[in-house]
Amino acid sequence: MPWIPIKSADKLLSSQILKLPEGKVLRVESFKGDRWFEVKRNGEEFEFSEHGYRNVVFKVKKEEVKETVKRIIEVEFPRSHQLRVSLSS
C-alpha cells in the first residue's frame, strides 16, 4: 500500500493499525518525507511516534486509535493530498 488518498486515509489506516502484528511498524509520511508518524503495537496498546510539527511519542488503547489517527492527519498533513504508507519490522 504505497500511496493512499488523504480523504480516506483515516479509515484505511485505522483498520491497518488494528490488524498490525506485534513487532511490525506502520509508517505514514508526507510526499516530501519531512513529516511522518509511526505506529507500533505493544500487546493491546499502540505506540504512536509523531515527527513533524509535533515531536512526541505516546500510547493509546485500541478504542482511541481512530480518533488519534484522524487528529494526527489533521495536524501533520494539513495540505497533503496523498500519503505514503510503509510497513517494516
PDB file of N, CA and C in Angstrom:
ATOM      1  N   MET A   1       0.847  -1.173   0.000  1.00  0.00           N
ATOM      2  CA  MET A   1       0.000   0.000   0.000  1.00  0.00           C
ATOM      3  C   MET A   1       0.902   1.248   0.000  1.00  0.00           C
ATOM      4  N   PRO A   2       1.505   1.613  -1.125  1.00  0.00           N
ATOM      5  CA  PRO A   2       2.466   2.718  -1.117  1.00  0.00           C
ATOM      6  C   PRO A   2       1.834   4.111  -0.966  1.00  0.00           C
ATOM      7  N   TRP A   3       0.846   4.487  -1.763  1.00  0.00           N
ATOM      8  CA  TRP A   3       0.225   5.811  -1.683  1.00  0.00           C
ATOM      9  C   TRP A   3      -1.269   5.666  -1.457  1.00  0.00           C
ATOM     10  N   ILE A   4      -1.808   6.482  -0.550  1.00  0.00           N
ATOM     11  CA  ILE A   4      -3.250   6.478  -0.321  1.00  0.00           C
ATOM     12  C   ILE A   4      -3.753   7.915  -0.330  1.00  0.00           C
ATOM     13  N   PRO A   5      -4.998   8.139  -0.798  1.00  0.00           N
ATOM     14  CA  PRO A   5      -5.557   9.491  -0.787  1.00  0.00           C
ATOM     15  C   PRO A   5      -5.866   9.934   0.640  1.00  0.00           C
ATOM     16  N   ILE A   6      -5.663  11.206   0.902  1.00  0.00           N
ATOM     17  CA  ILE A   6      -5.850  11.744   2.254  1.00  0.00           C
ATOM     18  C   ILE A   6      -7.317  11.680   2.697  1.00  0.00           C
ATOM     19  N   LYS A   7      -8.244  11.730   1.743  1.00  0.00           N
ATOM     20  CA  LYS A   7      -9.667  11.737   2.097  1.00  0.00           C
ATOM     21  C   LYS A   7     -10.107  10.450   2.787  1.00  0.00           C
ATOM     22  N   SER A   8      -9.531   9.338   2.392  1.00  0.00           N
ATOM     23  CA  SER A   8      -9.913   8.066   3.003  1.00  0.00           C
ATOM     24  C   SER A   8      -8.829   7.504   3.918  1.00  0.00           C
ATOM     25  N   ALA A   9      -7.816   8.294   4.208  1.00  0.00           N
ATOM     26  CA  ALA A   9      -6.659   7.821   4.963  1.00  0.00           C
ATOM     27  C   ALA A   9      -7.008   7.388   6.382  1.00  0.00           C
ATOM     28  N   ASP A  10      -7.852   8.140   7.082  1.00  0.00           N
ATOM     29  CA  ASP A  10      -8.132   7.794   8.478  1.00  0.00           C
ATOM     30  C   ASP A  10      -8.787   6.421   8.608  1.00  0.00           C
ATOM     31  N   LYS A  11      -9.723   6.097   7.728  1.00  0.00           N
ATOM     32  CA  LYS A  11     -10.394   4.792   7.792  1.00  0.00           C
ATOM     33  C   LYS A  11      -9.441   3.661   7.410  1.00  0.00           C
ATOM     34  N   LEU A  12      -8.701   3.854   6.318  1.00  0.00           N
ATOM     35  CA  LEU A  12      -7.769   2.821   5.868  1.00  0.00           C
ATOM     36  C   LEU A  12      -6.668   2.569   6.892  1.00  0.00           C
ATOM     37  N   LEU A  13      -6.097   3.640   7.413  1.00  0.00           N
ATOM     38  CA  LEU A  13      -5.007   3.499   8.373  1.00  0.00           C
ATOM     39  C   LEU A  13      -5.478   2.895   9.689  1.00  0.00           C
ATOM     40  N   SER A  14      -6.653   3.300  10.148  1.00  0.00           N
ATOM     41  CA  SER A  14      -7.180   2.750  11.401  1.00  0.00           C
ATOM     42  C   SER A  14      -7.347   1.243  11.301  1.00  0.00           C
ATOM     43  N   SER A  15      -7.902   0.779  10.184  1.00  0.00           N
ATOM     44  CA  SER A  15      -8.095  -0.669  10.036  1.00  0.00           C
ATOM     45  C   SER A  15      -6.754  -1.389   9.931  1.00  0.00           C
ATOM     46  N   GLN A  16      -5.775  -0.801   9.240  1.00  0.00           N
ATOM     47  CA  GLN A  16      -4.460  -1.422   9.128  1.00  0.00           C
ATOM     48  C   GLN A  16      -3.740  -1.454  10.480  1.00  0.00           C
ATOM     49  N   ILE A  17      -3.886  -0.395  11.248  1.00  0.00           N
ATOM     50  CA  ILE A  17      -3.235  -0.329  12.562  1.00  0.00           C
ATOM     51  C   ILE A  17      -3.818  -1.375  13.507  1.00  0.00           C
ATOM     52  N   LEU A  18      -5.130  -1.537  13.491  1.00  0.00           N
ATOM     53  CA  LEU A  18      -5.756  -2.516  14.380  1.00  0.00           C
ATOM     54  C   LEU A  18      -5.358  -3.943  14.013  1.00  0.00           C
ATOM     55  N   LYS A  19      -5.015  -4.201  12.751  1.00  0.00           N
ATOM     56  CA  LYS A  19      -4.577  -5.525  12.303  1.00  0.00           C
ATOM     57  C   LYS A  19      -3.063  -5.708  12.395  1.00  0.00           C
ATOM     58  N   LEU A  20      -2.365  -4.689  12.826  1.00  0.00           N
ATOM     59  CA  LEU A  20      -0.904  -4.696  12.855  1.00  0.00           C
ATOM     60  C   LEU A  20      -0.370  -5.790  13.782  1.00  0.00           C
ATOM     61  N   PRO A  21       0.500  -6.686  13.274  1.00  0.00           N
ATOM     62  CA  PRO A  21       1.082  -7.711  14.145  1.00  0.00           C
ATOM     63  C   PRO A  21       2.156  -7.114  15.048  1.00  0.00           C
ATOM     64  N   GLU A  22       2.409  -7.782  16.164  1.00  0.00           N
ATOM     65  CA  GLU A  22       3.450  -7.320  17.097  1.00  0.00           C
ATOM     66  C   GLU A  22       4.800  -7.336  16.402  1.00  0.00           C
ATOM     67  N   GLY A  23       5.604  -6.329  16.684  1.00  0.00           N
ATOM     68  CA  GLY A  23       6.939  -6.255  16.116  1.00  0.00           C
ATOM     69  C   GLY A  23       7.016  -5.524  14.789  1.00  0.00           C
ATOM     70  N   LYS A  24       5.893  -5.269  14.151  1.00  0.00           N
ATOM     71  CA  LYS A  24       5.870  -4.535  12.886  1.00  0.00           C
ATOM     72  C   LYS A  24       5.589  -3.066  13.161  1.00  0.00           C
ATOM     73  N   VAL A  25       6.090  -2.196  12.269  1.00  0.00           N
ATOM     74  CA  VAL A  25       5.909  -0.756  12.408  1.00  0.00           C
ATOM     75  C   VAL A  25       5.262  -0.223  11.136  1.00  0.00           C
ATOM     76  N   LEU A  26       4.165   0.489  11.287  1.00  0.00           N
ATOM     77  CA  LEU A  26       3.494   1.127  10.162  1.00  0.00           C
ATOM     78  C   LEU A  26       3.931   2.584  10.139  1.00  0.00           C
ATOM     79  N   ARG A  27       4.485   3.021   9.006  1.00  0.00           N
ATOM     80  CA  ARG A  27       4.977   4.396   8.874  1.00  0.00           C
ATOM     81  C   ARG A  27       4.150   5.116   7.820  1.00  0.00           C
ATOM     82  N   VAL A  28       3.688   6.318   8.158  1.00  0.00           N
ATOM     83  CA  VAL A  28       2.914   7.156   7.252  1.00  0.00           C
ATOM     84  C   VAL A  28       3.661   8.470   7.116  1.00  0.00           C
ATOM     85  N   GLU A  29       3.940   8.879   5.863  1.00  0.00           N
ATOM     86  CA  GLU A  29       4.706  10.106   5.682  1.00  0.00           C
ATOM     87  C   GLU A  29       4.160  10.945   4.544  1.00  0.00           C
ATOM     88  N   SER A  30       4.548  12.215   4.565  1.00  0.00           N
ATOM     89  CA  SER A  30       4.129  13.157   3.534  1.00  0.00           C
ATOM     90  C   SER A  30       4.899  12.891   2.246  1.00  0.00           C
ATOM     91  N   PHE A  31       4.540  13.587   1.190  1.00  0.00           N
ATOM     92  CA  PHE A  31       5.196  13.419  -0.105  1.00  0.00           C
ATOM     93  C   PHE A  31       6.689  13.709  -0.019  1.00  0.00           C
ATOM     94  N   LYS A  32       7.044  14.782   0.648  1.00  0.00           N
ATOM     95  CA  LYS A  32       8.455  15.148   0.776  1.00  0.00           C
ATOM     96  C   LYS A  32       9.187  14.287   1.803  1.00  0.00           C
ATOM     97  N   GLY A  33       8.464  13.646   2.671  1.00  0.00           N
ATOM     98  CA  GLY A  33       9.078  12.784   3.671  1.00  0.00           C
ATOM     99  C   GLY A  33       9.601  13.533   4.888  1.00  0.00           C
ATOM    100  N   ASP A  34       9.276  14.829   4.983  1.00  0.00           N
ATOM    101  CA  ASP A  34       9.771  15.606   6.117  1.00  0.00           C
ATOM    102  C   ASP A  34       8.870  15.495   7.347  1.00  0.00           C
ATOM    103  N   ARG A  35       7.630  15.057   7.163  1.00  0.00           N
ATOM    104  CA  ARG A  35       6.710  14.856   8.287  1.00  0.00           C
ATOM    105  C   ARG A  35       6.203  13.421   8.221  1.00  0.00           C
ATOM    106  N   TRP A  36       6.185  12.746   9.377  1.00  0.00           N
ATOM    107  CA  TRP A  36       5.725  11.366   9.407  1.00  0.00           C
ATOM    108  C   TRP A  36       5.280  10.970  10.798  1.00  0.00           C
ATOM    109  N   PHE A  37       4.574   9.846  10.847  1.00  0.00           N
ATOM    110  CA  PHE A  37       4.303   9.218  12.136  1.00  0.00           C
ATOM    111  C   PHE A  37       4.397   7.706  11.964  1.00  0.00           C
ATOM    112  N   GLU A  38       4.754   7.047  13.050  1.00  0.00           N
ATOM    113  CA  GLU A  38       4.885   5.594  13.060  1.00  0.00           C
ATOM    114  C   GLU A  38       4.016   5.024  14.165  1.00  0.00           C
ATOM    115  N   VAL A  39       3.539   3.817  13.922  1.00  0.00           N
ATOM    116  CA  VAL A  39       2.716   3.125  14.915  1.00  0.00           C
ATOM    117  C   VAL A  39       3.299   1.735  15.126  1.00  0.00           C
ATOM    118  N   LYS A  40       3.439   1.373  16.395  1.00  0.00           N
ATOM    119  CA  LYS A  40       3.947   0.052  16.763  1.00  0.00           C
ATOM    120  C   LYS A  40       2.995  -0.541  17.787  1.00  0.00           C
ATOM    121  N   ARG A  41       2.688  -1.805  17.625  1.00  0.00           N
ATOM    122  CA  ARG A  41       1.777  -2.470  18.556  1.00  0.00           C
ATOM    123  C   ARG A  41       2.549  -3.090  19.716  1.00  0.00           C
ATOM    124  N   ASN A  42       2.072  -2.833  20.924  1.00  0.00           N
ATOM    125  CA  ASN A  42       2.628  -3.430  22.143  1.00  0.00           C
ATOM    126  C   ASN A  42       1.481  -4.086  22.893  1.00  0.00           C
ATOM    127  N   GLY A  43       1.169  -5.312  22.556  1.00  0.00           N
ATOM    128  CA  GLY A  43       0.047  -6.009  23.192  1.00  0.00           C
ATOM    129  C   GLY A  43      -1.265  -5.379  22.791  1.00  0.00           C
ATOM    130  N   GLU A  44      -1.993  -4.865  23.753  1.00  0.00           N
ATOM    131  CA  GLU A  44      -3.271  -4.214  23.483  1.00  0.00           C
ATOM    132  C   GLU A  44      -3.133  -2.697  23.308  1.00  0.00           C
ATOM    133  N   GLU A  45      -1.924  -2.180  23.473  1.00  0.00           N
ATOM    134  CA  GLU A  45      -1.680  -0.739  23.301  1.00  0.00           C
ATOM    135  C   GLU A  45      -0.942  -0.491  21.998  1.00  0.00           C
ATOM    136  N   PHE A  46      -1.092   0.718  21.490  1.00  0.00           N
ATOM    137  CA  PHE A  46      -0.415   1.121  20.269  1.00  0.00           C
ATOM    138  C   PHE A  46       0.439   2.348  20.573  1.00  0.00           C
ATOM    139  N   GLU A  47       1.700   2.280  20.186  1.00  0.00           N
ATOM    140  CA  GLU A  47       2.628   3.384  20.439  1.00  0.00           C
ATOM    141  C   GLU A  47       2.746   4.235  19.171  1.00  0.00           C
ATOM    142  N   PHE A  48       2.357   5.498  19.275  1.00  0.00           N
ATOM    143  CA  PHE A  48       2.432   6.445  18.172  1.00  0.00           C
ATOM    144  C   PHE A  48       3.653   7.330  18.360  1.00  0.00           C
ATOM    145  N   SER A  49       4.391   7.531  17.298  1.00  0.00           N
ATOM    146  CA  SER A  49       5.564   8.395  17.317  1.00  0.00           C
ATOM    147  C   SER A  49       5.396   9.431  16.199  1.00  0.00           C
ATOM    148  N   GLU A  50       5.178  10.685  16.563  1.00  0.00           N
ATOM    149  CA  GLU A  50       4.993  11.763  15.588  1.00  0.00           C
ATOM    150  C   GLU A  50       6.302  12.499  15.364  1.00  0.00           C
ATOM    151  N   HIS A  51       6.545  12.884  14.123  1.00  0.00           N
ATOM    152  CA  HIS A  51       7.723  13.677  13.785  1.00  0.00           C
ATOM    153  C   HIS A  51       7.303  14.679  12.720  1.00  0.00           C
ATOM    154  N   GLY A  52       7.397  15.950  13.036  1.00  0.00           N
ATOM    155  CA  GLY A  52       6.986  16.992  12.100  1.00  0.00           C
ATOM    156  C   GLY A  52       6.696  18.263  12.862  1.00  0.00           C
ATOM    157  N   TYR A  53       5.437  18.666  12.873  1.00  0.00           N
ATOM    158  CA  TYR A  53       5.053  19.847  13.641  1.00  0.00           C
ATOM    159  C   TYR A  53       5.191  19.568  15.136  1.00  0.00           C
ATOM    160  N   ARG A  54       4.819  18.372  15.533  1.00  0.00           N
ATOM    161  CA  ARG A  54       4.973  17.948  16.928  1.00  0.00           C
ATOM    162  C   ARG A  54       5.892  16.744  16.946  1.00  0.00           C
ATOM    163  N   ASN A  55       6.794  16.698  17.872  1.00  0.00           N
ATOM    164  CA  ASN A  55       7.691  15.563  18.015  1.00  0.00           C
ATOM    165  C   ASN A  55       7.402  14.906  19.363  1.00  0.00           C
ATOM    166  N   VAL A  56       6.471  13.954  19.346  1.00  0.00           N
ATOM    167  CA  VAL A  56       6.041  13.308  20.582  1.00  0.00           C
ATOM    168  C   VAL A  56       5.901  11.806  20.375  1.00  0.00           C
ATOM    169  N   VAL A  57       5.971  11.078  21.474  1.00  0.00           N
ATOM    170  CA  VAL A  57       5.720   9.641  21.486  1.00  0.00           C
ATOM    171  C   VAL A  57       4.694   9.394  22.580  1.00  0.00           C
ATOM    172  N   PHE A  58       3.630   8.666  22.248  1.00  0.00           N
ATOM    173  CA  PHE A  58       2.592   8.384  23.239  1.00  0.00           C
ATOM    174  C   PHE A  58       1.916   7.061  22.918  1.00  0.00           C
ATOM    175  N   LYS A  59       1.204   6.519  23.902  1.00  0.00           N
ATOM    176  CA  LYS A  59       0.499   5.251  23.747  1.00  0.00           C
ATOM    177  C   LYS A  59      -0.999   5.478  23.872  1.00  0.00           C
ATOM    178  N   VAL A  60      -1.751   4.709  23.078  1.00  0.00           N
ATOM    179  CA  VAL A  60      -3.213   4.773  23.153  1.00  0.00           C
ATOM    180  C   VAL A  60      -3.773   3.361  23.183  1.00  0.00           C
ATOM    181  N   LYS A  61      -4.996   3.263  23.646  1.00  0.00           N
ATOM    182  CA  LYS A  61      -5.683   1.976  23.677  1.00  0.00           C
ATOM    183  C   LYS A  61      -6.385   1.754  22.334  1.00  0.00           C
ATOM    184  N   LYS A  62      -6.823   0.538  22.133  1.00  0.00           N
ATOM    185  CA  LYS A  62      -7.469   0.118  20.889  1.00  0.00           C
ATOM    186  C   LYS A  62      -8.653   1.016  20.511  1.00  0.00           C
ATOM    187  N   GLU A  63      -9.422   1.424  21.502  1.00  0.00           N
ATOM    188  CA  GLU A  63     -10.629   2.231  21.261  1.00  0.00           C
ATOM    189  C   GLU A  63     -10.301   3.644  20.780  1.00  0.00           C
ATOM    190  N   GLU A  64      -9.095   4.121  21.059  1.00  0.00           N
ATOM    191  CA  GLU A  64      -8.726   5.500  20.738  1.00  0.00           C
ATOM    192  C   GLU A  64      -7.947   5.627  19.429  1.00  0.00           C
ATOM    193  N   VAL A  65      -7.715   4.524  18.736  1.00  0.00           N
ATOM    194  CA  VAL A  65      -6.862   4.541  17.540  1.00  0.00           C
ATOM    195  C   VAL A  65      -7.450   5.422  16.444  1.00  0.00           C
ATOM    196  N   LYS A  66      -8.728   5.265  16.131  1.00  0.00           N
ATOM    197  CA  LYS A  66      -9.331   6.010  15.026  1.00  0.00           C
ATOM    198  C   LYS A  66      -9.284   7.521  15.276  1.00  0.00           C
ATOM    199  N   GLU A  67      -9.635   7.947  16.476  1.00  0.00           N
ATOM    200  CA  GLU A  67      -9.594   9.376  16.817  1.00  0.00           C
ATOM    201  C   GLU A  67      -8.170   9.912  16.737  1.00  0.00           C
ATOM    202  N   THR A  68      -7.218   9.127  17.205  1.00  0.00           N
ATOM    203  CA  THR A  68      -5.818   9.547  17.214  1.00  0.00           C
ATOM    204  C   THR A  68      -5.294   9.706  15.797  1.00  0.00           C
ATOM    205  N   VAL A  69      -5.590   8.751  14.928  1.00  0.00           N
ATOM    206  CA  VAL A  69      -5.134   8.827  13.532  1.00  0.00           C
ATOM    207  C   VAL A  69      -5.729  10.059  12.854  1.00  0.00           C
ATOM    208  N   LYS A  70      -6.988  10.306  13.065  1.00  0.00           N
ATOM    209  CA  LYS A  70      -7.652  11.459  12.451  1.00  0.00           C
ATOM    210  C   LYS A  70      -7.012  12.769  12.925  1.00  0.00           C
ATOM    211  N   ARG A  71      -6.722  12.866  14.213  1.00  0.00           N
ATOM    212  CA  ARG A  71      -6.113  14.075  14.758  1.00  0.00           C
ATOM    213  C   ARG A  71      -4.700  14.276  14.212  1.00  0.00           C
ATOM    214  N   ILE A  72      -3.922  13.200  14.147  1.00  0.00           N
ATOM    215  CA  ILE A  72      -2.551  13.307  13.640  1.00  0.00           C
ATOM    216  C   ILE A  72      -2.553  13.747  12.180  1.00  0.00           C
ATOM    217  N   ILE A  73      -3.448  13.190  11.377  1.00  0.00           N
ATOM    218  CA  ILE A  73      -3.521  13.572   9.959  1.00  0.00           C
ATOM    219  C   ILE A  73      -3.845  15.055   9.824  1.00  0.00           C
ATOM    220  N   GLU A  74      -4.769  15.552  10.624  1.00  0.00           N
ATOM    221  CA  GLU A  74      -5.123  16.971  10.561  1.00  0.00           C
ATOM    222  C   GLU A  74      -3.952  17.872  10.952  1.00  0.00           C
ATOM    223  N   VAL A  75      -3.174  17.456  11.952  1.00  0.00           N
ATOM    224  CA  VAL A  75      -2.060  18.275  12.440  1.00  0.00           C
ATOM    225  C   VAL A  75      -0.841  18.174  11.530  1.00  0.00           C
ATOM    226  N   GLU A  76      -0.440  16.962  11.186  1.00  0.00           N
ATOM    227  CA  GLU A  76       0.815  16.746  10.463  1.00  0.00           C
ATOM    228  C   GLU A  76       0.706  16.943   8.949  1.00  0.00           C
ATOM    229  N   PHE A  77      -0.461  16.686   8.370  1.00  0.00           N
ATOM    230  CA  PHE A  77      -0.601  16.741   6.912  1.00  0.00           C
ATOM    231  C   PHE A  77      -1.758  17.651   6.481  1.00  0.00           C
ATOM    232  N   PRO A  78      -1.741  18.936   6.863  1.00  0.00           N
ATOM    233  CA  PRO A  78      -2.889  19.798   6.581  1.00  0.00           C
ATOM    234  C   PRO A  78      -3.106  20.104   5.097  1.00  0.00           C
ATOM    235  N   ARG A  79      -2.063  20.081   4.281  1.00  0.00           N
ATOM    236  CA  ARG A  79      -2.197  20.422   2.868  1.00  0.00           C
ATOM    237  C   ARG A  79      -1.878  19.261   1.928  1.00  0.00           C
ATOM    238  N   SER A  80      -1.681  18.088   2.468  1.00  0.00           N
ATOM    239  CA  SER A  80      -1.329  16.929   1.645  1.00  0.00           C
ATOM    240  C   SER A  80      -2.559  16.354   0.951  1.00  0.00           C
ATOM    241  N   HIS A  81      -2.327  15.760  -0.214  1.00  0.00           N
ATOM    242  CA  HIS A  81      -3.394  15.084  -0.948  1.00  0.00           C
ATOM    243  C   HIS A  81      -3.223  13.571  -0.920  1.00  0.00           C
ATOM    244  N   GLN A  82      -1.971  13.126  -0.760  1.00  0.00           N
ATOM    245  CA  GLN A  82      -1.684  11.704  -0.685  1.00  0.00           C
ATOM    246  C   GLN A  82      -0.655  11.458   0.404  1.00  0.00           C
ATOM    247  N   LEU A  83      -0.700  10.254   0.955  1.00  0.00           N
ATOM    248  CA  LEU A  83       0.246   9.858   1.986  1.00  0.00           C
ATOM    249  C   LEU A  83       0.933   8.565   1.576  1.00  0.00           C
ATOM    250  N   ARG A  84       2.200   8.448   1.909  1.00  0.00           N
ATOM    251  CA  ARG A  84       2.961   7.253   1.634  1.00  0.00           C
ATOM    252  C   ARG A  84       2.921   6.361   2.869  1.00  0.00           C
ATOM    253  N   VAL A  85       2.597   5.094   2.668  1.00  0.00           N
ATOM    254  CA  VAL A  85       2.473   4.155   3.778  1.00  0.00           C
ATOM    255  C   VAL A  85       3.443   2.999   3.551  1.00  0.00           C
ATOM    256  N   SER A  86       4.168   2.636   4.605  1.00  0.00           N
ATOM    257  CA  SER A  86       5.090   1.501   4.508  1.00  0.00           C
ATOM    258  C   SER A  86       5.036   0.693   5.798  1.00  0.00           C
ATOM    259  N   LEU A  87       5.356  -0.579   5.670  1.00  0.00           N
ATOM    260  CA  LEU A  87       5.354  -1.494   6.801  1.00  0.00           C
ATOM    261  C   LEU A  87       6.751  -2.079   6.938  1.00  0.00           C
ATOM    262  N   SER A  88       7.289  -2.019   8.136  1.00  0.00           N
ATOM    263  CA  SER A  88       8.635  -2.558   8.363  1.00  0.00           C
ATOM    264  C   SER A  88       8.663  -3.312   9.679  1.00  0.00           C
ATOM    265  N   SER A  89       9.771  -3.981   9.924  1.00  0.00           N
ATOM    266  CA  SER A  89       9.888  -4.727  11.184  1.00  0.00           C
ATOM    267  C   SER A  89      10.901  -4.111  12.106  1.00  0.00           C
TER     268      SER A  89
END
